[in-house]
């Protein structure tokens, strides 16, 4: 998931189905099964980019809202990140290509209607149809018939001949089947991603309903959206929620902050109940662990799946081609990652040596090779061998995410080591950055972040670098890489699939479309008003666990 931007172990092949079958009673945080206190909390948030639809939201600001207002077939345990059944009663397969899904009959949407098998099938078909322009349509690619809904390479200049994927069949209100074009051993793991959430019958009845649900979505999760504007989004407990993850609080106010320092100060003063996931702890507070001293007993740190990197703009011709490759490598080698981590992040991050986070099974250190190692002499040599860079090289970032200090540090190092003018260029907020990237308006370099959508090595590769993937801001396309992704997807999960995906990562190492920077930890803080704080590897606050302190 695009973010500042989802210790994990992937579950194996048919074994995934076995685990999910065994987990039919649900899992995770169930201590909040009853709540008898009327309570409200507030948490720091960021500006939502896209309509709040499962098929269109793939960034952390909107994703956080939808993850708490939708329920999917699968939920990821907040402690272990392991997939566990939620709406699914079972997900079984004998060949990793034909999947039978049985759902629990007790789940309801926030409008009181029952969740049926058709609500999944209809939602996925609608989002996969290129006429509807959903950003997450890429995630349905493995399903048989997806290509029939994507005309003109996804440009949709001509209408598709069908609006249904042939790989989805409704058997009954509580059962449907999924058939994939090729074997996809980790498909059950993927089904906990927001793109695979169901939509209610009301969504499909009129265009007006669809428009209304872009702002006030109707989901089957523990909360529902009751108000939504640019400064805050308010959630209330969903009275129809039938799952085991019932919250302790009645209302959650997502307050949008443009400045992380303002959010931090409000937590310090007990005017905000939580910060650190959607808005980071300010860099100046990390120095000498000042934030921990000021928030004694009110701070936490959690290993996360967040991966920070720099993307080289595909519209900047100086950064493309054979000479552009050497220039990209030179830029990366001129960045002293350990020094920036020490000076800016107080050693709370770790240098990245590849494109896959160490929190997922299949991580292998060193995929980036020498390109991620600080070597100013080699950087200068490569710079001379390239055509250099004429004009000012920009590093664009969103000003609301606490990125100024490190972006300016990177710009300074590249400038000094390569002898060119490099400037860190802020945009107002994360939404503006993503909108500009979608419109292909940004030249030079820009910051990117990724938080895993689901716990799999595949999620760090296919959605970001697969040809045509929505989050492929580098415009990267390599047939050998795409082919290797297919090979890996059809391999048995565990060691065979991991090895196949590692080969795909090796191809990235040769082409170098982005420069890995660091793997992050989540630093977070809370007010004196709340307790039972739990943050997961997706950098999400578990709203089913948090509660107000008893007076």
Protein backbone atom coordinates (compact mmCIF):
# COMPACT_ATOMS: atom_id res chain seq x y z
CA UNK A 1 0.00 0.00 0.00
CA UNK A 2 1.29 3.37 -0.89
CA UNK A 3 2.36 5.22 2.20
CA UNK A 4 5.04 7.14 3.97
CA UNK A 5 3.68 4.09 3.04
CA UNK A 6 1.34 -2.95 4.50
CA UNK A 7 8.11 -10.87 12.53
CA UNK A 8 5.89 -12.19 9.50
CA UNK A 9 5.79 -15.68 8.07
CA UNK A 10 3.90 -16.57 4.90
CA UNK A 11 1.64 -19.59 5.17
CA UNK A 12 2.17 -22.39 2.69
CA UNK A 13 0.14 -23.34 -0.43
CA UNK A 14 -2.57 -25.84 0.27
CA UNK A 15 -1.37 -25.43 3.83
CA UNK A 16 -2.80 -21.92 3.74
CA UNK A 17 -6.22 -23.39 3.16
CA UNK A 18 -5.67 -25.83 5.98
CA UNK A 19 -4.70 -23.05 8.37
CA UNK A 20 -7.64 -20.90 7.31
CA UNK A 21 -9.99 -23.86 7.61
CA UNK A 22 -8.76 -24.48 11.13
CA UNK A 23 -9.12 -20.81 11.97
CA UNK A 24 -12.80 -20.69 11.17
CA UNK A 25 -13.59 -19.32 14.61
CA UNK A 26 -11.54 -16.20 13.95
CA UNK A 27 -8.54 -15.03 15.89
CA UNK A 28 -6.54 -12.08 17.08
CA UNK A 29 -7.78 -9.61 19.63
CA UNK A 30 -11.07 -10.89 20.99
CA UNK A 31 -10.87 -9.40 24.45
CA UNK A 32 -13.12 -6.56 23.34
CA UNK A 33 -16.12 -8.78 22.76
CA UNK A 34 -18.33 -6.51 24.87
CA UNK A 35 -18.24 -2.81 25.47
CA UNK A 36 -20.59 -1.12 27.89
CA UNK A 37 -18.89 2.26 28.20
CA UNK A 38 -19.80 5.23 26.04
CA UNK A 39 -16.43 6.51 24.91
CA UNK A 40 -14.66 8.54 22.26
CA UNK A 41 -11.01 8.76 21.23
CA UNK A 42 -9.08 10.84 18.71
CA UNK A 43 -6.09 9.83 16.61
CA UNK A 44 -3.78 11.74 14.28
CA UNK A 45 -4.54 11.16 10.61
CA UNK A 46 -3.58 12.31 7.12
CA UNK A 47 -5.43 13.53 4.02
CA UNK A 48 -7.27 10.81 2.12
CA UNK A 49 -6.44 10.78 -1.60
CA UNK A 50 -9.12 8.62 -3.19
CA UNK A 51 -12.81 7.79 -2.74
CA UNK A 52 -13.33 5.42 0.19
CA UNK A 53 -14.08 2.37 -1.94
CA UNK A 54 -12.23 -0.94 -1.49
CA UNK A 55 -11.37 -1.00 -5.19
CA UNK A 56 -9.98 2.53 -5.24
CA UNK A 57 -8.15 3.08 -1.95
CA UNK A 58 -4.51 1.99 -1.93
CA UNK A 59 -2.81 4.58 0.25
CA UNK A 60 -2.33 4.57 3.98
CA UNK A 61 -4.59 7.53 4.85
CA UNK A 62 -7.73 6.09 3.30
CA UNK A 63 -6.63 2.53 3.90
CA UNK A 64 -6.64 3.05 7.66
CA UNK A 65 -10.27 4.16 7.53
CA UNK A 66 -11.37 1.25 5.34
CA UNK A 67 -9.45 -1.34 7.33
CA UNK A 68 -11.61 -0.45 10.32
CA UNK A 69 -14.92 -0.12 8.48
CA UNK A 70 -14.69 -3.22 6.29
CA UNK A 71 -14.38 -6.89 7.07
CA UNK A 72 -12.76 -9.22 4.57
CA UNK A 73 -12.58 -12.97 4.14
CA UNK A 74 -9.28 -12.88 6.02
CA UNK A 75 -7.87 -10.72 8.80
CA UNK A 76 -4.22 -10.37 9.72
CA UNK A 77 -3.48 -11.00 13.38
CA UNK A 78 -2.23 -7.73 14.93
CA UNK A 79 0.43 -9.56 16.93
CA UNK A 80 1.80 -12.02 14.38
CA UNK A 81 0.50 -10.69 11.01
CA UNK A 82 -0.61 -14.24 10.22
CA UNK A 83 -3.80 -14.59 8.14
CA UNK A 84 -6.85 -15.76 10.05
CA UNK A 85 -10.39 -16.29 8.87
CA UNK A 86 -12.77 -13.40 9.40
CA UNK A 87 -15.88 -13.56 7.20
CA UNK A 88 -14.55 -16.77 5.67
CA UNK A 89 -15.63 -20.03 7.25
CA UNK A 90 -13.04 -21.80 5.13
CA UNK A 91 -10.90 -21.31 2.02
CA UNK A 92 -9.79 -24.58 0.48
CA UNK A 93 -7.91 -25.68 -2.63
CA UNK A 94 -6.31 -28.86 -3.92
CA UNK A 95 -4.25 -27.32 -6.71
CA UNK A 96 -3.69 -23.62 -5.86
CA UNK A 97 -5.80 -22.69 -8.90
CA UNK A 98 -9.35 -23.64 -7.93
CA UNK A 99 -10.49 -22.24 -4.58
CA UNK A 100 -13.71 -22.89 -2.73
CA UNK A 101 -14.78 -20.16 -0.31
CA UNK A 102 -17.46 -20.68 2.34
CA UNK A 103 -18.53 -17.65 4.39
CA UNK A 104 -20.17 -17.28 7.77
CA UNK A 105 -23.89 -16.42 7.52
CA UNK A 106 -23.88 -14.07 10.51
CA UNK A 107 -22.02 -11.05 9.11
CA UNK A 108 -23.91 -7.87 8.24
CA UNK A 109 -23.07 -4.55 6.64
CA UNK A 110 -23.46 -1.30 8.55
CA UNK A 111 -26.83 -0.80 6.79
CA UNK A 112 -28.13 -3.98 8.42
CA UNK A 113 -28.14 -6.18 5.31
CA UNK A 114 -26.49 -9.60 5.27
CA UNK A 115 -23.10 -10.24 3.70
CA UNK A 116 -23.56 -12.84 0.98
CA UNK A 117 -21.21 -14.55 -1.43
CA UNK A 118 -22.56 -12.35 -4.22
CA UNK A 119 -21.40 -9.25 -2.36
CA UNK A 120 -17.81 -10.39 -2.84
CA UNK A 121 -18.23 -11.51 -6.44
CA UNK A 122 -20.15 -8.39 -7.49
CA UNK A 123 -17.66 -6.08 -5.75
CA UNK A 124 -14.63 -7.66 -7.38
CA UNK A 125 -16.23 -7.72 -10.82
CA UNK A 126 -17.22 -4.06 -10.53
CA UNK A 127 -13.75 -2.99 -9.41
CA UNK A 128 -12.04 -5.08 -12.11
CA UNK A 129 -14.12 -3.49 -14.89
CA UNK A 130 -11.94 -0.84 -16.52
CA UNK A 131 -15.00 1.39 -17.07
CA UNK A 132 -15.09 2.04 -13.32
CA UNK A 133 -11.47 3.20 -13.15
CA UNK A 134 -10.57 1.59 -9.85
CA UNK A 135 -6.94 1.92 -8.77
CA UNK A 136 -6.91 -1.50 -7.11
CA UNK A 137 -8.10 -3.41 -10.18
CA UNK A 138 -4.54 -4.71 -10.58
CA UNK A 139 -5.04 -6.97 -7.55
CA UNK A 140 -7.64 -9.05 -9.39
CA UNK A 141 -5.18 -9.86 -12.19
CA UNK A 142 -4.77 -13.55 -11.19
CA UNK A 143 -8.51 -14.25 -11.47
CA UNK A 144 -9.54 -15.97 -14.70
CA UNK A 145 -11.29 -13.56 -17.04
CA UNK A 146 -9.77 -10.40 -15.58
CA UNK A 147 -8.17 -9.55 -18.93
CA UNK A 148 -11.64 -9.53 -20.55
CA UNK A 149 -12.56 -6.53 -18.38
CA UNK A 150 -9.40 -4.57 -19.22
CA UNK A 151 -9.58 -3.36 -22.84
CA UNK A 152 -6.82 -1.46 -24.66
CA UNK A 153 -4.23 -2.48 -22.10
CA UNK A 154 -6.36 -1.05 -19.31
CA UNK A 155 -6.89 2.29 -21.05
CA UNK A 156 -10.52 1.27 -21.64
CA UNK A 157 -10.99 3.22 -24.86
CA UNK A 158 -13.47 0.57 -25.91
CA UNK A 159 -16.04 -0.99 -23.60
CA UNK A 160 -15.36 -4.54 -22.39
CA UNK A 161 -17.58 -7.23 -23.89
CA UNK A 162 -18.40 -8.52 -20.43
CA UNK A 163 -18.62 -7.16 -16.89
CA UNK A 164 -17.93 -10.43 -15.11
CA UNK A 165 -14.75 -12.42 -14.56
CA UNK A 166 -15.28 -16.02 -15.62
CA UNK A 167 -13.21 -17.18 -12.64
CA UNK A 168 -15.84 -16.14 -10.09
CA UNK A 169 -18.94 -18.25 -9.50
CA UNK A 170 -21.63 -17.87 -6.83
CA UNK A 171 -22.72 -21.27 -5.55
CA UNK A 172 -25.07 -20.07 -2.80
CA UNK A 173 -25.47 -17.18 -0.38
CA UNK A 174 -22.64 -18.65 1.68
CA UNK A 175 -20.34 -20.13 -0.95
CA UNK A 176 -18.46 -19.04 -4.07
CA UNK A 177 -15.49 -20.26 -6.07
CA UNK A 178 -12.40 -18.56 -7.44
CA UNK A 179 -10.48 -19.88 -10.44
CA UNK A 180 -7.17 -18.29 -11.37
CA UNK A 181 -5.50 -18.20 -14.77
CA UNK A 182 -2.33 -19.75 -13.35
CA UNK A 183 -1.54 -21.31 -10.00
CA UNK A 184 -1.38 -18.68 -7.25
CA UNK A 185 -0.21 -20.37 -4.10
CA UNK A 186 -0.56 -17.34 -1.81
CA UNK A 187 -4.03 -16.24 -2.98
CA UNK A 188 -5.68 -16.95 0.43
CA UNK A 189 -3.09 -14.70 2.08
CA UNK A 190 -3.92 -11.86 -0.32
CA UNK A 191 -7.64 -11.99 0.44
CA UNK A 192 -7.23 -9.92 3.60
CA UNK A 193 -6.28 -6.86 1.55
CA UNK A 194 -8.89 -4.10 1.38
CA UNK A 195 -9.42 -4.56 -2.39
CA UNK A 196 -11.09 -7.89 -1.61
CA UNK A 197 -13.71 -6.45 0.77
CA UNK A 198 -17.39 -6.97 -0.17
CA UNK A 199 -19.81 -4.23 -1.18
CA UNK A 200 -23.48 -4.12 -0.11
CA UNK A 201 -26.40 -4.65 -2.50
CA UNK A 202 -27.29 -0.96 -2.19
CA UNK A 203 -24.03 0.01 -3.89
CA UNK A 204 -25.10 -1.56 -7.17
CA UNK A 205 -28.64 -0.12 -7.24
CA UNK A 206 -27.81 3.38 -8.45
CA UNK A 207 -25.01 5.75 -9.42
CA UNK A 208 -26.18 8.03 -6.61
CA UNK A 209 -25.59 5.28 -4.06
CA UNK A 210 -22.14 4.63 -5.46
CA UNK A 211 -21.27 8.31 -5.20
CA UNK A 212 -22.56 8.52 -1.64
CA UNK A 213 -20.53 5.50 -0.57
CA UNK A 214 -17.34 7.08 -1.89
CA UNK A 215 -17.55 9.38 1.13
CA UNK A 216 -19.63 7.37 3.61
CA UNK A 217 -18.79 3.73 2.82
CA UNK A 218 -21.02 0.86 3.89
CA UNK A 219 -18.87 -1.96 5.22
CA UNK A 220 -19.08 -4.98 7.49
CA UNK A 221 -16.29 -3.95 9.87
CA UNK A 222 -16.41 -2.99 13.55
CA UNK A 223 -16.87 0.72 12.76
CA UNK A 224 -18.81 2.83 10.28
CA UNK A 225 -18.08 6.30 8.89
CA UNK A 226 -20.58 8.92 10.10
CA UNK A 227 -18.88 12.09 8.83
CA UNK A 228 -16.09 12.81 6.39
CA UNK A 229 -14.44 16.10 5.53
CA UNK A 230 -10.94 17.36 4.78
CA UNK A 231 -10.02 17.99 8.42
CA UNK A 232 -11.45 14.93 10.11
CA UNK A 233 -13.26 11.65 9.57
CA UNK A 234 -15.45 10.32 12.36
CA UNK A 235 -16.15 6.63 12.90
CA UNK A 236 -18.77 5.13 15.19
CA UNK A 237 -19.20 1.58 16.39
CA UNK A 238 -21.12 -0.47 13.83
CA UNK A 239 -24.22 -1.79 15.69
CA UNK A 240 -24.57 -4.64 13.17
CA UNK A 241 -20.98 -5.86 13.45
CA UNK A 242 -21.03 -9.65 13.96
CA UNK A 243 -17.32 -10.46 14.11
CA UNK A 244 -15.18 -11.31 17.14
CA UNK A 245 -13.19 -8.05 17.11
CA UNK A 246 -15.73 -5.78 18.76
CA UNK A 247 -14.23 -2.46 19.88
CA UNK A 248 -14.13 -0.98 23.37
CA UNK A 249 -14.78 2.58 22.19
CA UNK A 250 -17.92 3.99 20.61
CA UNK A 251 -16.42 6.74 18.46
CA UNK A 252 -13.08 7.47 16.79
CA UNK A 253 -12.19 10.91 15.46
CA UNK A 254 -9.49 10.81 12.74
CA UNK A 255 -8.00 14.31 12.90
CA UNK A 256 -5.96 15.42 9.91
CA UNK A 257 -2.70 17.17 10.80
CA UNK A 258 -0.52 18.98 8.27
CA UNK A 259 2.36 19.16 10.75
CA UNK A 260 3.52 16.13 12.78
CA UNK A 261 4.74 18.46 15.52
CA UNK A 262 1.21 19.73 16.09
CA UNK A 263 -0.07 16.18 16.50
CA UNK A 264 2.78 15.32 18.88
CA UNK A 265 2.16 18.41 21.01
CA UNK A 266 -1.55 17.61 21.21
CA UNK A 267 -0.76 14.10 22.47
CA UNK A 268 1.69 15.56 24.96
CA UNK A 269 -1.08 17.86 26.23
CA UNK A 270 -3.64 15.02 26.22
CA UNK A 271 -5.70 16.79 23.55
CA UNK A 272 -5.12 13.92 21.08
CA UNK A 273 -5.14 10.28 22.09
CA UNK A 274 -2.73 8.73 19.60
CA UNK A 275 -0.09 9.66 17.02
CA UNK A 276 2.69 7.90 15.13
CA UNK A 277 1.16 5.69 12.45
CA UNK A 278 -0.36 8.11 9.94
CA UNK A 279 1.67 11.07 11.18
CA UNK A 280 5.24 10.35 12.43
CA UNK A 281 6.94 11.45 15.62
CA UNK A 282 8.76 14.70 14.68
CA UNK A 283 12.43 14.25 13.79
CA UNK A 284 13.60 16.80 16.35
CA UNK A 285 11.92 14.75 19.08
CA UNK A 286 13.87 11.64 18.07
CA UNK A 287 17.21 13.29 18.85
CA UNK A 288 18.59 11.84 22.09
CA UNK A 289 15.22 10.10 22.48
CA UNK A 290 13.67 13.33 23.67
CA UNK A 291 10.17 12.11 22.83
CA UNK A 292 10.55 9.12 25.14
CA UNK A 293 11.63 11.38 28.00
CA UNK A 294 8.71 13.77 27.52
CA UNK A 295 6.23 10.91 27.19
CA UNK A 296 7.38 8.65 30.00
CA UNK A 297 5.13 5.61 30.00
CA UNK A 298 3.25 6.86 26.95
CA UNK A 299 5.35 5.73 23.99
CA UNK A 300 6.02 2.59 22.05
CA UNK A 301 8.19 1.27 19.21
CA UNK A 302 7.27 -1.59 16.89
CA UNK A 303 9.05 -3.27 13.99
CA UNK A 304 7.05 -2.51 10.87
CA UNK A 305 6.78 -3.51 7.24
CA UNK A 306 7.37 0.07 6.07
CA UNK A 307 10.08 0.43 3.44
CA UNK A 308 11.40 3.85 2.37
CA UNK A 309 12.95 4.41 -1.05
CA UNK A 310 13.61 6.97 -3.77
CA UNK A 311 12.00 6.60 -7.16
CA UNK A 312 13.59 8.02 -10.30
CA UNK A 313 11.01 9.73 -12.47
CA UNK A 314 10.30 7.92 -15.75
CA UNK A 315 9.49 11.26 -17.40
CA UNK A 316 13.02 12.56 -16.70
CA UNK A 317 14.97 11.42 -19.78
CA UNK A 318 18.32 12.12 -18.10
CA UNK A 319 17.55 9.33 -15.64
CA UNK A 320 16.52 6.71 -18.23
CA UNK A 321 18.45 4.56 -20.70
CA UNK A 322 21.93 3.07 -20.28
CA UNK A 323 23.52 6.34 -19.14
CA UNK A 324 20.59 6.92 -16.82
CA UNK A 325 21.24 3.59 -15.12
CA UNK A 326 24.78 4.64 -14.23
CA UNK A 327 23.46 7.98 -13.03
CA UNK A 328 20.85 6.28 -10.81
CA UNK A 329 23.54 4.01 -9.36
CA UNK A 330 25.82 7.01 -8.77
CA UNK A 331 23.06 8.85 -6.91
CA UNK A 332 22.39 5.86 -4.69
CA UNK A 333 26.06 5.30 -3.86
CA UNK A 334 26.42 8.95 -2.89
CA UNK A 335 23.85 8.59 -0.07
CA UNK A 336 25.25 7.77 3.36
CA UNK A 337 22.28 5.86 4.74
CA UNK A 338 23.73 4.96 8.17
CA UNK A 339 24.72 8.58 8.81
CA UNK A 340 21.27 9.95 7.92
CA UNK A 341 19.62 7.27 10.04
CA UNK A 342 21.82 8.27 12.96
CA UNK A 343 21.46 12.03 12.59
CA UNK A 344 17.82 12.28 11.51
CA UNK A 345 16.12 9.16 12.84
CA UNK A 346 18.16 8.54 16.00
CA UNK A 347 19.04 5.02 14.75
CA UNK A 348 15.39 3.94 14.86
CA UNK A 349 15.59 2.75 11.23
CA UNK A 350 17.93 0.27 9.55
CA UNK A 351 19.64 0.68 6.14
CA UNK A 352 17.96 -1.20 3.29
CA UNK A 353 20.07 -3.58 1.25
CA UNK A 354 17.25 -4.61 -1.09
CA UNK A 355 13.63 -4.12 -2.05
CA UNK A 356 11.96 -6.58 0.34
CA UNK A 357 11.37 -5.94 4.04
CA UNK A 358 12.96 -8.27 6.61
CA UNK A 359 9.56 -8.73 8.28
CA UNK A 360 8.36 -11.12 5.55
CA UNK A 361 9.42 -14.65 4.80
CA UNK A 362 11.76 -14.70 1.80
CA UNK A 363 13.72 -11.60 2.75
CA UNK A 364 17.32 -11.90 1.63
CA UNK A 365 19.91 -9.28 2.52
CA UNK A 366 22.16 -7.83 -0.14
CA UNK A 367 19.88 -7.83 -3.20
CA UNK A 368 20.86 -4.23 -3.88
CA UNK A 369 24.57 -5.06 -3.87
CA UNK A 370 27.10 -2.24 -3.83
CA UNK A 371 24.54 0.25 -5.10
CA UNK A 372 23.12 0.63 -1.58
CA UNK A 373 26.54 1.04 0.03
CA UNK A 374 27.97 4.51 0.52
CA UNK A 375 30.90 4.88 -1.87
CA UNK A 376 31.45 8.49 -3.02
CA UNK A 377 34.53 7.60 -5.09
CA UNK A 378 32.68 4.95 -7.09
CA UNK A 379 29.71 7.30 -7.32
CA UNK A 380 31.86 9.98 -8.96
CA UNK A 381 33.28 7.41 -11.39
CA UNK A 382 29.82 6.27 -12.45
CA UNK A 383 28.67 9.87 -12.72
CA UNK A 384 31.50 10.62 -15.16
CA UNK A 385 30.65 7.53 -17.20
CA UNK A 386 27.04 8.68 -17.49
CA UNK A 387 26.00 11.85 -19.27
CA UNK A 388 25.84 13.61 -15.92
CA UNK A 389 22.83 15.72 -15.03
CA UNK A 390 22.12 19.13 -16.55
CA UNK A 391 20.12 21.61 -14.56
CA UNK A 392 18.73 21.21 -11.05
CA UNK A 393 17.87 17.71 -9.84
CA UNK A 394 14.84 17.77 -7.54
CA UNK A 395 13.84 15.39 -4.76
CA UNK A 396 10.10 15.88 -4.27
CA UNK A 397 8.36 14.97 -1.01
CA UNK A 398 5.14 15.64 0.89
CA UNK A 399 5.56 18.31 3.56
CA UNK A 400 3.01 16.78 5.94
CA UNK A 401 4.92 13.56 6.55
CA UNK A 402 8.02 14.66 8.45
CA UNK A 403 10.28 14.09 5.43
CA UNK A 404 11.96 17.49 5.18
CA UNK A 405 15.06 16.72 7.26
CA UNK A 406 16.07 13.49 5.53
CA UNK A 407 15.19 14.73 2.04
CA UNK A 408 17.36 17.80 2.55
CA UNK A 409 20.15 15.58 3.90
CA UNK A 410 19.95 13.29 0.86
CA UNK A 411 19.89 16.28 -1.50
CA UNK A 412 22.95 17.75 0.21
CA UNK A 413 24.97 14.51 0.00
CA UNK A 414 24.14 13.86 -3.66
CA UNK A 415 24.98 17.48 -4.47
CA UNK A 416 28.33 17.42 -2.67
CA UNK A 417 29.43 13.99 -3.87
CA UNK A 418 28.42 14.41 -7.52
CA UNK A 419 29.00 18.13 -7.92
CA UNK A 420 25.51 18.95 -9.16
CA UNK A 421 22.70 21.11 -7.78
CA UNK A 422 20.13 18.99 -5.95
CA UNK A 423 17.12 20.54 -4.21
CA UNK A 424 14.55 18.97 -1.89
CA UNK A 425 11.16 20.15 -3.16
CA UNK A 426 8.11 19.98 -0.86
CA UNK A 427 4.49 19.53 -1.92
CA UNK A 428 1.74 20.45 0.57
CA UNK A 429 0.58 16.97 1.54
CA UNK A 430 0.60 13.27 0.68
CA UNK A 431 -2.56 13.54 -1.42
CA UNK A 432 -0.99 16.24 -3.57
CA UNK A 433 2.13 14.11 -4.06
CA UNK A 434 0.14 11.06 -5.12
CA UNK A 435 -2.12 13.10 -7.41
CA UNK A 436 0.95 14.63 -9.07
CA UNK A 437 2.51 11.19 -9.52
CA UNK A 438 -0.69 9.80 -11.02
CA UNK A 439 -0.67 12.68 -13.51
CA UNK A 440 3.05 12.11 -14.25
CA UNK A 441 3.90 15.70 -13.36
CA UNK A 442 7.03 15.10 -11.25
CA UNK A 443 10.50 15.02 -12.77
CA UNK A 444 13.82 14.20 -11.08
CA UNK A 445 13.43 12.02 -7.98
CA UNK A 446 10.68 11.63 -5.42
CA UNK A 447 10.28 9.88 -2.10
CA UNK A 448 8.22 6.76 -1.88
CA UNK A 449 7.19 4.47 0.94
CA UNK A 450 5.49 1.11 1.05
CA UNK A 451 3.65 -0.69 3.81
CA UNK A 452 2.69 -4.24 2.96
CA UNK A 453 -0.88 -4.96 1.87
CA UNK A 454 -0.52 -8.57 2.98
CA UNK A 455 2.36 -10.55 4.54
CA UNK A 456 4.16 -11.84 1.45
CA UNK A 457 7.44 -11.18 -0.37
CA UNK A 458 5.32 -10.90 -3.53
CA UNK A 459 3.66 -7.72 -2.20
CA UNK A 460 7.00 -5.86 -2.26
CA UNK A 461 7.57 -6.73 -5.91
CA UNK A 462 4.48 -7.20 -8.09
CA UNK A 463 2.34 -4.18 -7.07
CA UNK A 464 5.30 -1.77 -7.32
CA UNK A 465 7.31 -3.07 -10.28
CA UNK A 466 4.96 -5.29 -12.31
CA UNK A 467 4.22 -3.84 -15.74
CA UNK A 468 1.13 -1.62 -15.46
CA UNK A 469 0.80 -1.97 -11.68
CA UNK A 470 -0.93 1.05 -10.12
CA UNK A 471 1.92 1.78 -7.69
CA UNK A 472 4.60 1.41 -10.37
CA UNK A 473 5.62 5.07 -10.30
CA UNK A 474 9.01 4.24 -11.79
CA UNK A 475 7.24 3.19 -14.99
CA UNK A 476 9.31 0.02 -14.79
CA UNK A 477 8.65 -2.73 -17.33
CA UNK A 478 10.77 -5.82 -17.87
CA UNK A 479 9.36 -8.95 -19.50
CA UNK A 480 11.86 -11.16 -17.69
CA UNK A 481 10.80 -9.68 -14.35
CA UNK A 482 7.09 -10.15 -15.12
CA UNK A 483 7.73 -13.72 -16.21
CA UNK A 484 9.64 -14.46 -13.04
CA UNK A 485 6.73 -13.14 -10.99
CA UNK A 486 4.47 -15.63 -12.76
CA UNK A 487 6.91 -18.45 -12.06
CA UNK A 488 7.07 -17.49 -8.40
CA UNK A 489 3.29 -17.17 -8.05
CA UNK A 490 2.76 -20.71 -9.30
CA UNK A 491 5.47 -22.23 -7.11
CA UNK A 492 4.65 -23.95 -3.85
CA UNK A 493 4.71 -21.49 -0.98
CA UNK A 494 7.61 -21.56 1.40
CA UNK A 495 11.15 -22.06 0.14
CA UNK A 496 10.32 -22.70 -3.57
CA UNK A 497 8.23 -19.54 -3.95
CA UNK A 498 10.65 -17.47 -1.87
CA UNK A 499 13.58 -18.51 -4.06
CA UNK A 500 11.62 -17.66 -7.20
CA UNK A 501 10.69 -14.21 -5.91
CA UNK A 502 14.30 -13.62 -4.88
CA UNK A 503 15.28 -14.16 -8.51
CA UNK A 504 12.80 -11.44 -9.49
CA UNK A 505 14.40 -9.14 -6.92
CA UNK A 506 17.80 -9.86 -8.46
CA UNK A 507 16.48 -8.48 -11.76
CA UNK A 508 15.55 -5.28 -9.96
CA UNK A 509 19.12 -5.14 -8.68
CA UNK A 510 20.40 -5.04 -12.26
CA UNK A 511 17.84 -2.54 -13.59
CA UNK A 512 17.77 -0.35 -10.46
CA UNK A 513 14.46 1.49 -11.02
CA UNK A 514 14.42 2.77 -7.43
CA UNK A 515 17.00 3.33 -4.70
CA UNK A 516 16.22 1.48 -1.44
CA UNK A 517 16.89 3.64 1.60
CA UNK A 518 15.76 2.09 4.88
CA UNK A 519 13.41 -0.20 6.74
CA UNK A 520 11.39 1.63 9.33
CA UNK A 521 10.15 1.07 12.83
CA UNK A 522 6.91 2.62 14.04
CA UNK A 523 7.42 5.14 16.81
CA UNK A 524 4.12 6.03 18.43
CA UNK A 525 2.69 7.83 21.44
CA UNK A 526 -0.60 8.10 23.30
CA UNK A 527 -2.37 10.29 25.81
CA UNK A 528 -3.03 9.67 29.49
CA UNK A 529 -6.66 9.03 28.57
CA UNK A 530 -6.21 5.62 26.89
CA UNK A 531 -4.75 2.20 27.51
CA UNK A 532 -4.27 -1.17 25.75
CA UNK A 533 -2.38 0.32 22.81
CA UNK A 534 -1.48 -2.17 20.10
CA UNK A 535 0.25 -1.36 16.78
CA UNK A 536 0.77 -4.01 14.11
CA UNK A 537 3.41 -4.58 11.43
CA UNK A 538 1.17 -2.81 8.91
CA UNK A 539 1.72 0.36 10.94
CA UNK A 540 -1.92 0.34 12.02
CA UNK A 541 -3.36 1.08 15.44
CA UNK A 542 -5.61 -1.81 16.47
CA UNK A 543 -8.89 -0.03 17.19
CA UNK A 544 -10.39 -3.22 18.61
CA UNK A 545 -7.95 -3.16 21.53
CA UNK A 546 -7.62 0.50 22.53
CA UNK A 547 -9.89 1.75 25.31
CA UNK A 548 -10.32 4.65 27.69
CA UNK A 549 -8.79 4.36 31.11
CA UNK A 550 -11.27 3.63 33.83
CA UNK A 551 -11.65 6.54 36.22
